[in-house]
Amino acid sequence: MRKPRPVLFGFACTLSAAVCGQTPAPGEHISFVSCPVVRDTRTVPCWISDYEGKTYYLTIQSDVSAIVQPPLLGHQVLVEGVVSSAPEICGGIVLEQTRLSVMPELDANCNTMLPAEDRYPIDFNPRPPGPSGGRLAFDPDPNARVTAPAKEEPAALTGPQTVTLYFDFDRTVSFRHPAALVSILELAEKIHATRMHVEGVRGAHLLSNGRLLQEAGYMGKKRAEEIAGLLTGAGLQVTTELSWTDATTEADGVDDWQSRRVTLTLLP
């Protein structure tokens, strides 16, 4: 009979404090996959998730233009962030630089909704009635006078221009991409682009518990084709070259979101 090897457990605990049930220190990168939970409040619902005995605050329920998109019930979510020293929100440890990726597979276990409790307030000023204008719009102070600083005329753009677009795990274009695509169209017009090279990359992600997530094998190709198709469909008339990387990508659990990308180069 083999004897237990406690040294291995001790090594695993050095990977992340959360793996061993300890509260991770501020500044520590953390990533995990778990079911999101929606908690009602007196103002706006908030989203939280449990991992290794700790609860983490993810975001509030908001419209599609928010920087951090809320997750969905019925799906697990990949949570990526940096532990903050800020006070808990909605009963959860606050993360900075938060990225949430709704996992494609359905999970019937991810269906928890919690009632509002006075001990979990959310300081939120809801927008006025009517359309949001594509963002969470707040009433400006009518008495405030804002003087915009003078802007220098930008220098003329010359030569090849490169733009990088990032994606949620195992996903293609989302609500955050239209503004970037419009900017690419404007950039192509400014430099009188005649050629475009689009490279899609399939990413990987190392979770805090040591598990490696690998995106679907076709994801690099699909991203490149979709971005190129949207731009040409919007009227961009250039010679287009596509490439993609579907090989295994190295992951360290820190900035792995940068591996889920499309790099686009415009050439005059």
Protein backbone atom coordinates (compact mmCIF):
# COMPACT_ATOMS: atom_id res chain seq x y z
CA MET A 1 0.00 0.00 0.00
CA ARG A 2 1.40 3.37 -1.03
CA LYS A 3 1.85 6.00 1.65
CA PRO A 4 0.14 9.39 1.22
CA ARG A 5 2.27 12.19 -0.14
CA PRO A 6 1.38 15.35 1.80
CA VAL A 7 4.13 17.26 0.01
CA LEU A 8 2.00 17.30 -3.14
CA PHE A 9 -0.91 18.83 -1.27
CA GLY A 10 1.33 21.47 0.19
CA PHE A 11 2.60 22.32 -3.28
CA ALA A 12 -0.95 22.60 -4.60
CA CYS A 13 -1.77 25.09 -1.86
CA THR A 14 0.95 27.41 -3.14
CA LEU A 15 -0.84 27.69 -6.47
CA SER A 16 -3.72 29.66 -4.99
CA ALA A 17 -4.90 30.37 -1.47
CA ALA A 18 -8.46 29.76 -2.63
CA VAL A 19 -7.64 26.14 -3.47
CA CYS A 20 -7.00 25.46 0.23
CA GLY A 21 -10.01 27.39 1.47
CA GLN A 22 -8.06 30.47 2.53
CA THR A 23 -9.16 33.95 1.52
CA PRO A 24 -6.87 35.02 -1.33
CA ALA A 25 -4.81 38.13 -0.70
CA PRO A 26 -5.52 41.43 -2.50
CA GLY A 27 -3.70 41.52 -5.79
CA GLU A 28 -3.89 37.75 -6.32
CA HIS A 29 -5.16 36.59 -9.70
CA ILE A 30 -7.99 34.12 -9.39
CA SER A 31 -10.02 32.21 -11.95
CA PHE A 32 -12.61 29.48 -11.59
CA VAL A 33 -15.67 27.98 -13.24
CA SER A 34 -18.84 27.70 -11.17
CA CYS A 35 -22.56 28.40 -11.18
CA PRO A 36 -23.54 32.07 -10.96
CA VAL A 37 -26.14 33.08 -8.41
CA VAL A 38 -28.45 36.07 -8.75
CA ARG A 39 -29.34 37.89 -5.52
CA ASP A 40 -32.20 40.36 -5.48
CA THR A 41 -31.78 43.71 -3.68
CA ARG A 42 -33.97 46.76 -3.13
CA THR A 43 -32.35 48.51 -6.09
CA VAL A 44 -30.86 46.17 -8.69
CA PRO A 45 -30.07 42.44 -8.68
CA CYS A 46 -26.46 41.45 -8.19
CA TRP A 47 -24.54 38.38 -9.34
CA ILE A 48 -22.29 36.34 -7.06
CA SER A 49 -20.61 32.95 -7.24
CA ASP A 50 -19.14 30.49 -4.74
CA TYR A 51 -15.71 28.93 -5.13
CA GLU A 52 -13.79 26.84 -2.61
CA GLY A 53 -15.99 27.98 0.28
CA LYS A 54 -15.78 31.70 -0.57
CA THR A 55 -18.35 33.95 -2.20
CA TYR A 56 -17.25 36.39 -4.90
CA TYR A 57 -19.11 39.41 -6.20
CA LEU A 58 -19.29 39.40 -10.00
CA THR A 59 -21.38 42.37 -11.17
CA ILE A 60 -24.86 43.88 -11.10
CA GLN A 61 -27.63 43.13 -13.57
CA SER A 62 -27.15 45.68 -16.34
CA ASP A 63 -27.79 46.25 -20.02
CA VAL A 64 -25.67 44.91 -22.86
CA SER A 65 -23.43 47.99 -23.02
CA ALA A 66 -21.93 47.48 -19.57
CA ILE A 67 -18.18 46.83 -19.42
CA VAL A 68 -18.74 43.61 -17.44
CA GLN A 69 -21.57 41.61 -18.92
CA PRO A 70 -23.67 39.72 -16.35
CA PRO A 71 -23.73 35.91 -16.57
CA LEU A 72 -26.78 33.73 -17.25
CA LEU A 73 -28.72 31.26 -15.19
CA GLY A 74 -28.61 27.79 -16.69
CA HIS A 75 -24.90 28.06 -17.53
CA GLN A 76 -21.68 27.97 -15.57
CA VAL A 77 -19.45 31.00 -15.83
CA LEU A 78 -15.69 31.38 -16.14
CA VAL A 79 -14.64 34.08 -13.66
CA GLU A 80 -11.30 35.85 -14.16
CA GLY A 81 -10.16 38.69 -11.93
CA VAL A 82 -7.80 40.15 -9.37
CA VAL A 83 -8.78 40.09 -5.69
CA SER A 84 -9.51 43.59 -4.38
CA SER A 85 -9.12 45.03 -0.90
CA ALA A 86 -12.46 46.86 -1.27
CA PRO A 87 -15.28 46.06 1.18
CA GLU A 88 -17.51 43.15 0.22
CA ILE A 89 -20.42 43.85 -2.12
CA CYS A 90 -23.61 41.79 -2.03
CA GLY A 91 -21.92 39.46 0.45
CA GLY A 92 -19.04 38.65 -1.90
CA ILE A 93 -15.32 39.35 -2.18
CA VAL A 94 -14.79 42.07 -4.78
CA LEU A 95 -12.70 41.40 -7.88
CA GLU A 96 -10.98 43.94 -10.11
CA GLN A 97 -10.30 43.58 -13.83
CA THR A 98 -13.21 41.17 -13.88
CA ARG A 99 -13.93 39.11 -16.97
CA LEU A 100 -16.93 36.78 -17.16
CA SER A 101 -17.41 34.16 -19.87
CA VAL A 102 -20.69 32.27 -19.98
CA MET A 103 -19.85 28.65 -20.72
CA PRO A 104 -21.73 27.32 -23.76
CA GLU A 105 -23.02 24.10 -22.19
CA LEU A 106 -26.34 24.10 -20.35
CA ASP A 107 -26.22 23.26 -16.65
CA ALA A 108 -29.56 22.73 -14.91
CA ASN A 109 -27.86 23.09 -11.51
CA CYS A 110 -27.14 26.77 -12.15
CA ASN A 111 -30.58 28.08 -11.25
CA THR A 112 -30.22 29.68 -7.79
CA MET A 113 -32.01 32.97 -7.11
CA LEU A 114 -31.80 34.53 -3.64
CA PRO A 115 -34.29 36.99 -2.13
CA ALA A 116 -33.36 40.54 -1.14
CA GLU A 117 -31.89 41.08 2.35
CA ASP A 118 -31.38 44.46 4.01
CA ARG A 119 -27.81 43.52 4.91
CA TYR A 120 -26.91 43.39 1.20
CA PRO A 121 -27.64 46.84 -0.23
CA ILE A 122 -26.43 47.97 -3.64
CA ASP A 123 -25.70 51.69 -4.02
CA PHE A 124 -27.26 52.17 -7.42
CA ASN A 125 -29.03 55.12 -9.03
CA PRO A 126 -31.23 53.66 -11.76
CA ARG A 127 -31.34 55.44 -15.10
CA PRO A 128 -34.35 57.58 -15.98
CA PRO A 129 -37.27 56.08 -17.95
CA GLY A 130 -36.83 55.55 -21.66
CA PRO A 131 -34.14 54.06 -23.88
CA SER A 132 -30.71 53.69 -22.35
CA GLY A 133 -28.92 55.16 -25.34
CA GLY A 134 -26.72 52.09 -25.47
CA ARG A 135 -25.33 52.48 -21.96
CA LEU A 136 -26.35 52.73 -18.33
CA ALA A 137 -27.36 56.39 -18.58
CA PHE A 138 -27.40 58.52 -15.43
CA ASP A 139 -28.93 61.97 -15.06
CA PRO A 140 -26.20 64.61 -15.39
CA ASP A 141 -26.11 67.47 -12.93
CA PRO A 142 -27.76 70.37 -14.82
CA ASN A 143 -25.77 72.88 -12.74
CA ALA A 144 -22.43 71.32 -13.54
CA ARG A 145 -20.33 73.05 -16.15
CA VAL A 146 -17.74 70.91 -17.84
CA THR A 147 -15.09 72.47 -20.01
CA ALA A 148 -13.49 69.98 -22.33
CA PRO A 149 -9.72 70.33 -22.72
CA ALA A 150 -8.47 71.48 -26.08
CA LYS A 151 -7.62 68.59 -28.35
CA GLU A 152 -4.59 68.57 -30.54
CA GLU A 153 -5.12 67.64 -34.14
CA PRO A 154 -3.97 64.01 -34.51
CA ALA A 155 -1.10 63.30 -36.81
CA ALA A 156 -1.92 61.71 -40.14
CA LEU A 157 -1.86 57.93 -40.04
CA THR A 158 0.53 56.20 -42.39
CA GLY A 159 1.64 52.65 -42.95
CA PRO A 160 0.09 49.38 -41.69
CA GLN A 161 -2.26 49.61 -38.69
CA THR A 162 -2.88 46.70 -36.32
CA VAL A 163 -5.93 46.23 -34.07
CA THR A 164 -6.51 43.39 -31.59
CA LEU A 165 -9.96 42.20 -30.52
CA TYR A 166 -10.47 39.97 -27.46
CA PHE A 167 -13.23 37.45 -26.84
CA ASP A 168 -15.01 35.57 -24.08
CA PHE A 169 -13.98 31.95 -23.62
CA ASP A 170 -15.27 29.73 -26.45
CA ARG A 171 -17.21 32.66 -27.90
CA THR A 172 -17.08 34.81 -31.01
CA VAL A 173 -18.48 38.33 -31.50
CA SER A 174 -20.47 39.80 -28.60
CA PHE A 175 -22.12 43.10 -27.71
CA ARG A 176 -18.77 44.68 -26.86
CA HIS A 177 -17.40 44.36 -30.39
CA PRO A 178 -19.58 46.61 -32.64
CA ALA A 179 -17.88 49.83 -31.53
CA ALA A 180 -14.46 48.31 -32.26
CA LEU A 181 -15.60 47.17 -35.70
CA VAL A 182 -16.84 50.66 -36.52
CA SER A 183 -13.45 52.04 -35.47
CA ILE A 184 -11.73 49.57 -37.80
CA LEU A 185 -13.87 50.75 -40.71
CA GLU A 186 -12.97 54.36 -39.94
CA LEU A 187 -9.29 53.47 -39.64
CA ALA A 188 -9.35 51.69 -43.01
CA GLU A 189 -10.83 54.77 -44.63
CA LYS A 190 -8.20 57.07 -43.10
CA ILE A 191 -5.24 55.09 -44.41
CA HIS A 192 -6.97 54.16 -47.70
CA ALA A 193 -6.54 50.48 -46.93
CA THR A 194 -6.36 48.08 -49.85
CA ARG A 195 -5.43 44.89 -47.98
CA MET A 196 -6.43 43.29 -44.68
CA HIS A 197 -4.92 40.36 -42.82
CA VAL A 198 -7.05 38.74 -40.12
CA GLU A 199 -5.60 36.14 -37.73
CA GLY A 200 -7.78 34.26 -35.26
CA VAL A 201 -6.30 32.56 -32.22
CA ARG A 202 -7.71 29.72 -30.15
CA GLY A 203 -7.01 30.37 -26.47
CA ALA A 204 -6.42 28.36 -23.31
CA HIS A 205 -6.88 29.20 -19.64
CA LEU A 206 -5.25 27.84 -16.49
CA LEU A 207 -7.67 27.88 -13.56
CA SER A 208 -6.61 28.56 -9.98
CA ASN A 209 -7.10 24.88 -9.14
CA GLY A 210 -4.60 23.85 -11.83
CA ARG A 211 -7.17 22.68 -14.37
CA LEU A 212 -6.44 23.69 -17.97
CA LEU A 213 -9.34 24.86 -20.13
CA GLN A 214 -8.84 24.69 -23.89
CA GLU A 215 -11.19 26.38 -26.34
CA ALA A 216 -12.87 24.43 -29.12
CA GLY A 217 -10.44 23.44 -31.87
CA TYR A 218 -12.20 25.49 -34.55
CA MET A 219 -12.40 28.73 -32.56
CA GLY A 220 -9.44 30.53 -34.16
CA LYS A 221 -10.76 29.92 -37.67
CA LYS A 222 -14.32 30.82 -36.74
CA ARG A 223 -13.28 34.13 -35.17
CA ALA A 224 -11.17 35.15 -38.15
CA GLU A 225 -13.93 34.31 -40.63
CA GLU A 226 -16.61 36.08 -38.62
CA ILE A 227 -14.65 39.33 -38.14
CA ALA A 228 -13.68 39.43 -41.82
CA GLY A 229 -17.24 38.69 -42.87
CA LEU A 230 -18.72 41.43 -40.70
CA LEU A 231 -16.27 44.04 -42.01
CA THR A 232 -16.75 43.17 -45.67
CA GLY A 233 -20.49 42.98 -45.13
CA ALA A 234 -20.35 46.53 -43.73
CA GLY A 235 -18.77 47.78 -46.95
CA LEU A 236 -15.02 47.37 -46.44
CA GLN A 237 -13.63 46.68 -49.90
CA VAL A 238 -10.14 45.30 -49.50
CA THR A 239 -8.21 42.19 -50.42
CA THR A 240 -8.59 39.91 -47.41
CA GLU A 241 -6.20 37.26 -46.16
CA LEU A 242 -7.22 34.93 -43.33
CA SER A 243 -5.12 32.79 -41.01
CA TRP A 244 -5.70 31.10 -37.69
CA THR A 245 -3.92 29.32 -34.87
CA ASP A 246 -5.61 26.24 -33.49
CA ALA A 247 -2.58 24.76 -31.74
CA THR A 248 -2.45 24.43 -27.95
CA THR A 249 -1.74 27.80 -26.38
CA GLU A 250 0.43 28.17 -23.29
CA ALA A 251 -1.47 29.42 -20.23
CA ASP A 252 -0.35 30.77 -16.86
CA GLY A 253 -3.65 31.85 -15.26
CA VAL A 254 -2.71 35.54 -15.21
CA ASP A 255 -3.55 37.18 -18.53
CA ASP A 256 -4.85 34.16 -20.39
CA TRP A 257 -7.77 36.20 -21.75
CA GLN A 258 -5.29 37.79 -24.14
CA SER A 259 -4.92 34.46 -25.94
CA ARG A 260 -8.57 34.59 -27.05
CA ARG A 261 -8.15 37.10 -29.84
CA VAL A 262 -8.22 38.24 -33.41
CA THR A 263 -5.35 40.38 -34.68
CA LEU A 264 -6.28 42.47 -37.69
CA THR A 265 -3.76 44.38 -39.83
CA LEU A 266 -4.79 47.00 -42.38
CA LEU A 267 -2.37 47.89 -45.14
CA PRO A 268 -2.55 50.89 -47.48
